[in-house]
């Protein structure tokens, strides 16, 4: 479902789960958003992150965001995986 452009910062728009079946540091995963977007990831529980609006959205400026999330383990060498999602922004009459 699209996110209304008048959603306030701190609104949770998705929950992301990242899992690594390895043990020890090889099984510890951290996630980051690639690029400079108006969202942030916040750890929620073990291997789960909340995707949160970090700053105001403006549908007239950007109607959809292509968000790439990178999950990296703490192994040596570190292994990583990426997932992409599209977040559509719905218009709200702001006149």
N, C-alpha and C. Protein backbone atom coordinates (compact mmCIF):
# COMPACT_ATOMS: atom_id res chain seq x y z
N UNK A 1 0.83 -1.19 0.00
CA UNK A 1 0.00 0.00 0.00
C UNK A 1 0.87 1.25 0.00
N UNK A 2 0.45 2.27 -0.74
CA UNK A 2 1.21 3.53 -0.75
C UNK A 2 1.20 4.20 0.63
N UNK A 3 2.25 4.97 0.88
CA UNK A 3 2.36 5.73 2.12
C UNK A 3 1.89 7.15 1.84
N UNK A 4 0.93 7.69 2.61
CA UNK A 4 0.48 9.06 2.38
C UNK A 4 1.63 10.06 2.57
N UNK A 5 1.68 11.07 1.70
CA UNK A 5 2.77 12.04 1.77
C UNK A 5 2.76 12.85 3.06
N UNK A 6 1.62 12.88 3.77
CA UNK A 6 1.56 13.64 5.03
C UNK A 6 1.88 12.78 6.25
N UNK A 7 2.42 11.57 6.03
CA UNK A 7 2.85 10.73 7.15
C UNK A 7 3.96 11.43 7.91
N UNK A 8 3.87 11.41 9.22
CA UNK A 8 4.84 12.13 10.03
C UNK A 8 6.14 11.33 10.17
N UNK A 9 7.27 12.05 10.30
CA UNK A 9 8.51 11.34 10.61
C UNK A 9 8.30 10.48 11.86
N UNK A 10 8.95 9.37 11.93
CA UNK A 10 8.84 8.30 12.94
C UNK A 10 7.76 7.28 12.60
N UNK A 11 7.01 7.48 11.49
CA UNK A 11 6.03 6.48 11.07
C UNK A 11 6.75 5.24 10.56
N UNK A 12 6.35 4.07 11.05
CA UNK A 12 6.91 2.80 10.58
C UNK A 12 6.19 2.41 9.30
N UNK A 13 6.93 2.19 8.22
CA UNK A 13 6.32 1.84 6.94
C UNK A 13 6.57 0.40 6.53
N UNK A 14 7.51 -0.28 7.18
CA UNK A 14 7.79 -1.69 6.87
C UNK A 14 8.60 -2.30 8.00
N UNK A 15 8.54 -3.62 8.08
CA UNK A 15 9.37 -4.37 9.02
C UNK A 15 10.22 -5.32 8.18
N UNK A 16 11.52 -5.28 8.40
CA UNK A 16 12.49 -6.05 7.62
C UNK A 16 13.11 -7.11 8.53
N UNK A 17 13.20 -8.33 8.01
CA UNK A 17 13.83 -9.41 8.77
C UNK A 17 15.06 -9.88 8.00
N UNK A 18 16.18 -10.02 8.71
CA UNK A 18 17.41 -10.52 8.11
C UNK A 18 17.94 -11.64 8.98
N UNK A 19 18.27 -12.76 8.35
CA UNK A 19 18.69 -13.92 9.13
C UNK A 19 19.90 -14.57 8.48
N UNK A 20 20.83 -15.01 9.31
CA UNK A 20 22.00 -15.75 8.87
C UNK A 20 22.09 -16.98 9.75
N UNK A 21 22.10 -18.15 9.15
CA UNK A 21 22.06 -19.40 9.93
C UNK A 21 23.42 -19.81 10.51
N UNK A 22 24.46 -19.03 10.21
CA UNK A 22 25.77 -19.33 10.78
C UNK A 22 25.75 -19.05 12.28
N UNK A 23 26.77 -19.56 12.98
CA UNK A 23 26.87 -19.31 14.42
C UNK A 23 27.95 -18.26 14.69
N UNK A 24 27.96 -17.74 15.90
CA UNK A 24 28.96 -16.76 16.30
C UNK A 24 28.85 -15.47 15.51
N UNK A 25 30.00 -14.79 15.32
CA UNK A 25 29.99 -13.52 14.59
C UNK A 25 29.51 -13.68 13.15
N UNK A 26 29.74 -14.85 12.56
CA UNK A 26 29.28 -15.07 11.18
C UNK A 26 27.76 -15.04 11.09
N UNK A 27 27.07 -15.24 12.19
CA UNK A 27 25.61 -15.22 12.19
C UNK A 27 25.01 -13.91 12.65
N UNK A 28 25.85 -12.96 13.05
CA UNK A 28 25.35 -11.64 13.48
C UNK A 28 25.23 -10.74 12.26
N UNK A 29 24.04 -10.18 12.07
CA UNK A 29 23.74 -9.41 10.87
C UNK A 29 23.37 -7.98 11.22
N UNK A 30 23.87 -7.04 10.43
CA UNK A 30 23.43 -5.65 10.55
C UNK A 30 22.89 -5.22 9.19
N UNK A 31 21.93 -4.30 9.20
CA UNK A 31 21.30 -3.83 7.96
C UNK A 31 21.46 -2.33 7.82
N UNK A 32 21.62 -1.88 6.58
CA UNK A 32 21.74 -0.46 6.27
C UNK A 32 20.98 -0.15 4.99
N UNK A 33 20.51 1.10 4.90
CA UNK A 33 19.89 1.58 3.68
C UNK A 33 20.98 2.18 2.80
N UNK A 34 20.99 1.80 1.53
CA UNK A 34 21.94 2.38 0.58
C UNK A 34 21.41 3.71 0.08
N UNK A 35 22.26 4.71 -0.01
CA UNK A 35 21.87 6.01 -0.56
C UNK A 35 21.34 6.97 0.48
N UNK A 36 21.00 8.15 0.00
CA UNK A 36 20.51 9.24 0.85
C UNK A 36 19.01 9.38 0.65
N UNK A 37 18.23 8.73 1.50
CA UNK A 37 16.78 8.70 1.39
C UNK A 37 16.14 9.21 2.68
N UNK A 38 14.88 9.62 2.63
CA UNK A 38 14.22 10.13 3.84
C UNK A 38 13.70 9.02 4.75
N UNK A 39 14.47 7.95 4.89
CA UNK A 39 14.10 6.81 5.74
C UNK A 39 15.30 6.40 6.56
N UNK A 40 15.04 5.66 7.62
CA UNK A 40 16.12 5.08 8.41
C UNK A 40 15.69 3.70 8.89
N UNK A 41 16.65 2.88 9.22
CA UNK A 41 16.38 1.56 9.80
C UNK A 41 16.67 1.62 11.28
N UNK A 42 15.77 1.04 12.06
CA UNK A 42 15.94 1.01 13.51
C UNK A 42 15.78 -0.44 13.97
N UNK A 43 16.76 -0.97 14.71
CA UNK A 43 16.60 -2.34 15.21
C UNK A 43 15.34 -2.46 16.05
N UNK A 44 14.62 -3.55 15.85
CA UNK A 44 13.36 -3.76 16.57
C UNK A 44 13.51 -4.91 17.56
N UNK A 45 13.89 -6.05 17.06
CA UNK A 45 14.18 -7.21 17.90
C UNK A 45 15.26 -7.99 17.16
N UNK A 46 15.62 -9.13 17.66
CA UNK A 46 16.72 -9.88 17.05
C UNK A 46 16.48 -10.11 15.56
N UNK A 47 17.39 -9.61 14.73
CA UNK A 47 17.36 -9.75 13.28
C UNK A 47 16.16 -9.10 12.61
N UNK A 48 15.50 -8.17 13.29
CA UNK A 48 14.35 -7.46 12.73
C UNK A 48 14.59 -5.96 12.84
N UNK A 49 14.26 -5.25 11.77
CA UNK A 49 14.43 -3.80 11.71
C UNK A 49 13.13 -3.15 11.27
N UNK A 50 12.89 -1.93 11.77
CA UNK A 50 11.76 -1.14 11.32
C UNK A 50 12.26 -0.12 10.31
N UNK A 51 11.57 -0.01 9.17
CA UNK A 51 11.86 1.04 8.20
C UNK A 51 10.97 2.22 8.56
N UNK A 52 11.60 3.33 8.91
CA UNK A 52 10.90 4.48 9.49
C UNK A 52 11.11 5.71 8.62
N UNK A 53 10.05 6.52 8.48
CA UNK A 53 10.19 7.80 7.80
C UNK A 53 11.05 8.71 8.67
N UNK A 54 12.12 9.26 8.08
CA UNK A 54 13.05 10.11 8.83
C UNK A 54 12.81 11.59 8.59
N UNK A 55 12.24 11.93 7.44
CA UNK A 55 11.95 13.34 7.13
C UNK A 55 10.73 13.40 6.22
N UNK A 56 10.21 14.60 6.05
CA UNK A 56 8.95 14.80 5.31
C UNK A 56 9.02 14.24 3.89
N UNK A 57 7.89 13.67 3.45
CA UNK A 57 7.74 13.18 2.09
C UNK A 57 6.95 14.21 1.28
N UNK A 58 7.25 14.31 -0.01
CA UNK A 58 6.53 15.23 -0.89
C UNK A 58 6.24 14.51 -2.20
N UNK A 59 5.01 14.07 -2.38
CA UNK A 59 4.60 13.30 -3.55
C UNK A 59 4.87 14.05 -4.85
N UNK A 60 4.72 15.37 -4.83
CA UNK A 60 4.96 16.16 -6.04
C UNK A 60 6.45 16.13 -6.44
N UNK A 61 7.33 15.95 -5.50
CA UNK A 61 8.77 15.89 -5.78
C UNK A 61 9.21 14.46 -6.12
N UNK A 62 8.75 13.48 -5.33
CA UNK A 62 9.12 12.07 -5.53
C UNK A 62 7.88 11.22 -5.28
N UNK A 63 7.44 10.49 -6.31
CA UNK A 63 6.22 9.69 -6.18
C UNK A 63 6.49 8.27 -5.71
N UNK A 64 7.74 7.82 -5.81
CA UNK A 64 8.10 6.47 -5.35
C UNK A 64 9.60 6.44 -5.03
N UNK A 65 9.95 5.66 -4.04
CA UNK A 65 11.34 5.50 -3.64
C UNK A 65 11.78 4.07 -3.91
N UNK A 66 12.92 3.91 -4.56
CA UNK A 66 13.55 2.61 -4.72
C UNK A 66 14.54 2.48 -3.58
N UNK A 67 14.24 1.58 -2.66
CA UNK A 67 15.04 1.44 -1.44
C UNK A 67 15.82 0.13 -1.52
N UNK A 68 17.13 0.22 -1.36
CA UNK A 68 17.98 -0.97 -1.33
C UNK A 68 18.54 -1.11 0.08
N UNK A 69 18.34 -2.30 0.64
CA UNK A 69 18.82 -2.59 1.99
C UNK A 69 19.91 -3.64 1.88
N UNK A 70 21.04 -3.37 2.52
CA UNK A 70 22.16 -4.30 2.53
C UNK A 70 22.29 -4.92 3.91
N UNK A 71 22.31 -6.24 3.95
CA UNK A 71 22.53 -6.99 5.20
C UNK A 71 23.95 -7.54 5.15
N UNK A 72 24.73 -7.30 6.21
CA UNK A 72 26.12 -7.71 6.27
C UNK A 72 26.36 -8.49 7.56
N UNK A 73 27.06 -9.63 7.46
CA UNK A 73 27.38 -10.36 8.69
C UNK A 73 28.71 -9.86 9.25
N UNK A 74 29.07 -10.36 10.43
CA UNK A 74 30.29 -9.90 11.08
C UNK A 74 31.44 -10.87 10.90
N UNK A 75 31.31 -11.75 9.93
CA UNK A 75 32.37 -12.72 9.66
C UNK A 75 33.59 -12.06 9.04
N UNK A 76 34.66 -12.84 8.91
CA UNK A 76 35.87 -12.35 8.28
C UNK A 76 36.29 -13.38 7.23
N UNK A 77 36.09 -13.09 5.97
CA UNK A 77 35.58 -11.84 5.42
C UNK A 77 34.06 -11.74 5.60
N UNK A 78 33.59 -10.50 5.67
CA UNK A 78 32.16 -10.27 5.83
C UNK A 78 31.44 -10.63 4.53
N UNK A 79 30.28 -11.26 4.68
CA UNK A 79 29.43 -11.57 3.54
C UNK A 79 28.21 -10.66 3.60
N UNK A 80 27.64 -10.37 2.45
CA UNK A 80 26.51 -9.46 2.42
C UNK A 80 25.49 -9.89 1.38
N UNK A 81 24.30 -9.36 1.52
CA UNK A 81 23.22 -9.60 0.57
C UNK A 81 22.38 -8.33 0.49
N UNK A 82 21.78 -8.10 -0.67
CA UNK A 82 20.94 -6.91 -0.84
C UNK A 82 19.52 -7.31 -1.21
N UNK A 83 18.59 -6.48 -0.78
CA UNK A 83 17.18 -6.63 -1.17
C UNK A 83 16.66 -5.25 -1.53
N UNK A 84 15.78 -5.21 -2.52
CA UNK A 84 15.22 -3.93 -2.96
C UNK A 84 13.71 -3.93 -2.77
N UNK A 85 13.18 -2.76 -2.46
CA UNK A 85 11.74 -2.59 -2.38
C UNK A 85 11.38 -1.23 -2.93
N UNK A 86 10.16 -1.12 -3.42
CA UNK A 86 9.66 0.15 -3.94
C UNK A 86 8.57 0.64 -2.99
N UNK A 87 8.72 1.86 -2.52
CA UNK A 87 7.74 2.47 -1.63
C UNK A 87 7.07 3.61 -2.37
N UNK A 88 5.78 3.43 -2.66
CA UNK A 88 5.02 4.47 -3.37
C UNK A 88 4.45 5.46 -2.37
N UNK A 89 4.42 6.72 -2.78
CA UNK A 89 3.89 7.80 -1.94
C UNK A 89 2.57 8.26 -2.55
N UNK A 90 1.52 8.29 -1.75
CA UNK A 90 0.22 8.73 -2.26
C UNK A 90 0.03 10.22 -2.01
N UNK A 91 -0.71 10.84 -2.92
CA UNK A 91 -0.95 12.28 -2.87
C UNK A 91 -2.00 12.62 -1.82
N UNK A 92 -1.77 13.70 -1.11
CA UNK A 92 -2.74 14.24 -0.17
C UNK A 92 -2.99 15.68 -0.60
N UNK A 93 -4.23 16.09 -0.66
CA UNK A 93 -4.55 17.45 -1.08
C UNK A 93 -3.96 18.43 -0.07
N UNK A 94 -2.91 19.15 -0.49
CA UNK A 94 -2.24 20.08 0.42
C UNK A 94 -2.45 21.53 -0.01
N UNK A 95 -3.54 21.78 -0.71
CA UNK A 95 -3.88 23.16 -1.11
C UNK A 95 -4.81 23.79 -0.11
